[in-house]
Protein backbone atom coordinates (compact mmCIF):
# COMPACT_ATOMS: atom_id res chain seq x y z
CA MET A 1 7.65 5.15 29.91
CA ARG A 2 4.45 3.80 31.20
CA LEU A 3 2.30 6.03 29.10
CA ILE A 4 4.07 4.56 25.98
CA LEU A 5 3.23 0.98 27.17
CA TYR A 6 -0.51 1.81 28.07
CA MET A 7 -0.87 3.49 24.69
CA LEU A 8 0.71 0.57 22.87
CA LEU A 9 -1.57 -1.97 24.90
CA ILE A 10 -4.52 -0.09 24.06
CA TYR A 11 -3.61 0.05 20.33
CA VAL A 12 -2.94 -3.75 20.33
CA LEU A 13 -6.31 -4.34 21.82
CA ALA A 14 -8.43 -2.04 19.87
CA ALA A 15 -6.78 -2.85 16.30
CA PRO A 16 -8.60 -6.21 15.82
CA LEU A 17 -11.76 -4.65 16.83
CA SER A 18 -11.57 -2.12 14.23
CA ALA A 19 -11.66 -4.90 11.46
CA CYS A 20 -15.06 -6.25 12.73
CA GLY A 21 -18.36 -5.47 11.24
CA LYS A 22 -19.82 -4.90 7.80
CA LYS A 23 -18.52 -1.68 6.27
CA ALA A 24 -20.87 -1.40 3.20
CA SER A 25 -23.74 -2.93 1.36
CA ILE A 26 -22.83 -5.89 -0.68
CA GLU A 27 -25.30 -5.09 -3.16
CA PRO A 28 -24.81 -2.34 -5.47
CA PRO A 29 -27.09 0.75 -4.95
CA PRO A 30 -30.37 0.98 -6.77
CA GLY A 31 -30.19 2.45 -10.23
CA THR A 32 -26.67 1.40 -10.90
CA LYS A 33 -25.63 -1.17 -13.75
CA LYS A 34 -25.05 -4.72 -12.37
CA THR A 35 -21.65 -5.97 -13.69
CA ASP A 36 -21.09 -9.84 -13.73
CA TYR A 37 -17.67 -11.38 -13.68
CA PRO A 38 -15.65 -12.70 -15.43
CA ARG A 39 -15.53 -9.87 -18.03
CA SER A 40 -14.22 -10.08 -21.46
CA TYR A 41 -11.40 -7.50 -21.91
CA PRO A 42 -10.98 -5.52 -24.98
CA GLY A 43 -8.32 -6.82 -27.07
C-alpha cells in the first residue's frame, strides 16, 4: 500500500514540472513558407 502512495506522490509532484520549458522553436524552420493569420478560406 505504501508503494502505491509513494508512486502517486511522486507522480503528483513531477507532473507539473513536465509542463515547464520551451518545447520547440516559435519561429518556423528556415526555408519554409511563412503563413500569416487570419487566412481566407476557399469558398
